[in-house]
Amino acid sequence: MPKELKFKVGDLIKVFGISMFPFYKDLEDGACGVIIEALDDNDDTNPEKIPSFFFFDYIVLINSKEYFMFEEEMRLYEDDYCDACECDPCDCNWGIE
């Protein structure tokens, strides 16, 4: 039976509690990223599935780099987005005169 994952590919997230890990030295708590792959090591239906490194749950793209993350290190990004370009913070200056 596959493991039930909380997030899905494409979710915008913030990472927390990563400062104690040396391989996250480039990141600060609160860094934003997007989930690019959900890893599921418990999927017994696919015999060719290669287990992920240290049983991580996701691969997350942050600042153009891929990071392996546990689900407990992430929270959904829930801030308000710009109505014009849907980015936060707004970088289009749409409607500002």
C-alpha atoms as a PDB file:
ATOM      1  CA  MET A   1       0.000   0.000   0.000  1.00  0.00           C
ATOM      2  CA  PRO A   2       1.514   3.384  -0.997  1.00  0.00           C
ATOM      3  CA  LYS A   3       2.257   5.906   1.723  1.00  0.00           C
ATOM      4  CA  GLU A   4      -0.287   8.729   1.940  1.00  0.00           C
ATOM      5  CA  LEU A   5       1.551  11.993   1.226  1.00  0.00           C
ATOM      6  CA  LYS A   6       0.277  15.375   2.452  1.00  0.00           C
ATOM      7  CA  PHE A   7       1.551  17.475  -0.484  1.00  0.00           C
ATOM      8  CA  LYS A   8       1.418  17.021  -4.246  1.00  0.00           C
ATOM      9  CA  VAL A   9       3.685  17.967  -7.138  1.00  0.00           C
ATOM     10  CA  GLY A  10       3.370  21.676  -7.880  1.00  0.00           C
ATOM     11  CA  ASP A  11       2.518  22.738  -4.321  1.00  0.00           C
ATOM     12  CA  LEU A  12       4.255  25.910  -3.178  1.00  0.00           C
ATOM     13  CA  ILE A  13       5.791  25.346   0.250  1.00  0.00           C
ATOM     14  CA  LYS A  14       7.993  26.935   2.922  1.00  0.00           C
ATOM     15  CA  VAL A  15      10.657  24.900   4.716  1.00  0.00           C
ATOM     16  CA  PHE A  16      11.270  24.938   8.476  1.00  0.00           C
ATOM     17  CA  GLY A  17      13.550  23.227  10.989  1.00  0.00           C
ATOM     18  CA  ILE A  18      16.358  22.603   8.531  1.00  0.00           C
ATOM     19  CA  SER A  19      19.144  24.670  10.113  1.00  0.00           C
ATOM     20  CA  MET A  20      20.561  21.691  12.021  1.00  0.00           C
ATOM     21  CA  PHE A  21      21.286  19.745   8.815  1.00  0.00           C
ATOM     22  CA  PRO A  22      24.636  20.598   7.149  1.00  0.00           C
ATOM     23  CA  PHE A  23      23.419  19.673   3.643  1.00  0.00           C
ATOM     24  CA  TYR A  24      20.835  22.506   3.857  1.00  0.00           C
ATOM     25  CA  LYS A  25      23.481  25.140   4.660  1.00  0.00           C
ATOM     26  CA  ASP A  26      22.360  27.310   1.705  1.00  0.00           C
ATOM     27  CA  LEU A  27      18.788  27.561   3.016  1.00  0.00           C
ATOM     28  CA  GLU A  28      17.157  29.544   5.788  1.00  0.00           C
ATOM     29  CA  ASP A  29      13.977  28.689   7.643  1.00  0.00           C
ATOM     30  CA  GLY A  30      11.048  30.084   5.701  1.00  0.00           C
ATOM     31  CA  ALA A  31      12.632  29.577   2.274  1.00  0.00           C
ATOM     32  CA  CYS A  32      10.032  29.021  -0.449  1.00  0.00           C
ATOM     33  CA  GLY A  33      10.085  26.234  -2.963  1.00  0.00           C
ATOM     34  CA  VAL A  34       7.930  24.092  -5.209  1.00  0.00           C
ATOM     35  CA  ILE A  35       7.536  20.339  -4.981  1.00  0.00           C
ATOM     36  CA  ILE A  36       8.817  18.768  -8.198  1.00  0.00           C
ATOM     37  CA  GLU A  37       8.563  15.106  -7.211  1.00  0.00           C
ATOM     38  CA  ALA A  38       6.727  13.129  -4.549  1.00  0.00           C
ATOM     39  CA  LEU A  39       8.741  10.064  -3.519  1.00  0.00           C
ATOM     40  CA  ASP A  40       6.879   6.975  -2.403  1.00  0.00           C
ATOM     41  CA  ASP A  41       9.140   4.178  -1.192  1.00  0.00           C
ATOM     42  CA  ASN A  42       6.265   2.076   0.064  1.00  0.00           C
ATOM     43  CA  ASP A  43       4.824   1.521  -3.402  1.00  0.00           C
ATOM     44  CA  ASP A  44       4.984  -2.272  -3.661  1.00  0.00           C
ATOM     45  CA  THR A  45       3.119  -2.269  -6.977  1.00  0.00           C
ATOM     46  CA  ASN A  46       6.193  -1.116  -8.928  1.00  0.00           C
ATOM     47  CA  PRO A  47       9.074  -3.642  -8.657  1.00  0.00           C
ATOM     48  CA  GLU A  48      11.440  -1.331 -10.604  1.00  0.00           C
ATOM     49  CA  LYS A  49      11.010   1.534  -8.124  1.00  0.00           C
ATOM     50  CA  ILE A  50      14.361   2.589  -6.672  1.00  0.00           C
ATOM     51  CA  PRO A  51      14.092   3.654  -3.011  1.00  0.00           C
ATOM     52  CA  SER A  52      14.879   7.308  -2.377  1.00  0.00           C
ATOM     53  CA  PHE A  53      17.934   8.380  -0.400  1.00  0.00           C
ATOM     54  CA  PHE A  54      17.229   8.097   3.360  1.00  0.00           C
ATOM     55  CA  PHE A  55      13.524   7.613   2.647  1.00  0.00           C
ATOM     56  CA  PHE A  56      12.835  11.289   1.937  1.00  0.00           C
ATOM     57  CA  ASP A  57       9.276  12.191   0.973  1.00  0.00           C
ATOM     58  CA  TYR A  58       9.791  14.876  -1.685  1.00  0.00           C
ATOM     59  CA  ILE A  59      12.204  16.583  -4.040  1.00  0.00           C
ATOM     60  CA  VAL A  60      11.766  20.356  -3.752  1.00  0.00           C
ATOM     61  CA  LEU A  61      13.115  23.056  -6.072  1.00  0.00           C
ATOM     62  CA  ILE A  62      14.397  26.042  -4.092  1.00  0.00           C
ATOM     63  CA  ASN A  63      16.498  28.796  -5.680  1.00  0.00           C
ATOM     64  CA  SER A  64      17.106  26.665  -8.793  1.00  0.00           C
ATOM     65  CA  LYS A  65      18.499  23.757  -6.731  1.00  0.00           C
ATOM     66  CA  GLU A  66      16.887  20.412  -5.956  1.00  0.00           C
ATOM     67  CA  TYR A  67      16.671  19.332  -2.315  1.00  0.00           C
ATOM     68  CA  PHE A  68      15.427  16.105  -0.757  1.00  0.00           C
ATOM     69  CA  MET A  69      12.932  16.934   2.024  1.00  0.00           C
ATOM     70  CA  PHE A  70      10.893  15.200   4.668  1.00  0.00           C
ATOM     71  CA  GLU A  71       7.216  16.071   4.925  1.00  0.00           C
ATOM     72  CA  GLU A  72       7.728  17.315   8.496  1.00  0.00           C
ATOM     73  CA  GLU A  73      10.102  20.047   7.230  1.00  0.00           C
ATOM     74  CA  MET A  74       7.460  21.705   5.047  1.00  0.00           C
ATOM     75  CA  ARG A  75       4.301  23.799   5.326  1.00  0.00           C
ATOM     76  CA  LEU A  76       2.034  25.030   2.558  1.00  0.00           C
ATOM     77  CA  TYR A  77       2.749  28.574   1.454  1.00  0.00           C
ATOM     78  CA  GLU A  78      -0.452  30.401   2.384  1.00  0.00           C
ATOM     79  CA  ASP A  79       0.284  34.114   1.871  1.00  0.00           C
ATOM     80  CA  ASP A  80      -1.867  36.221  -0.426  1.00  0.00           C
ATOM     81  CA  TYR A  81      -0.830  36.307  -4.051  1.00  0.00           C
ATOM     82  CA  CYS A  82      -0.869  39.280  -6.428  1.00  0.00           C
ATOM     83  CA  ASP A  83      -4.154  39.332  -8.382  1.00  0.00           C
ATOM     84  CA  ALA A  84      -2.381  40.289 -11.608  1.00  0.00           C
ATOM     85  CA  CYS A  85       0.611  37.965 -11.775  1.00  0.00           C
ATOM     86  CA  GLU A  86      -0.173  35.574  -8.888  1.00  0.00           C
ATOM     87  CA  CYS A  87       3.278  36.000  -7.402  1.00  0.00           C
ATOM     88  CA  ASP A  88       4.190  36.953  -3.867  1.00  0.00           C
ATOM     89  CA  PRO A  89       5.728  39.356  -3.406  1.00  0.00           C
ATOM     90  CA  CYS A  90       4.409  41.004  -6.547  1.00  0.00           C
ATOM     91  CA  ASP A  91       7.198  41.683  -9.026  1.00  0.00           C
ATOM     92  CA  CYS A  92       5.104  43.008 -11.898  1.00  0.00           C
ATOM     93  CA  ASN A  93       4.060  46.351 -10.346  1.00  0.00           C
ATOM     94  CA  TRP A  94       0.797  45.954 -12.232  1.00  0.00           C
ATOM     95  CA  GLY A  95      -1.622  48.723 -11.421  1.00  0.00           C
ATOM     96  CA  ILE A  96       0.967  50.843  -9.596  1.00  0.00           C
ATOM     97  CA  GLU A  97       1.280  54.306 -11.121  1.00  0.00           C
END
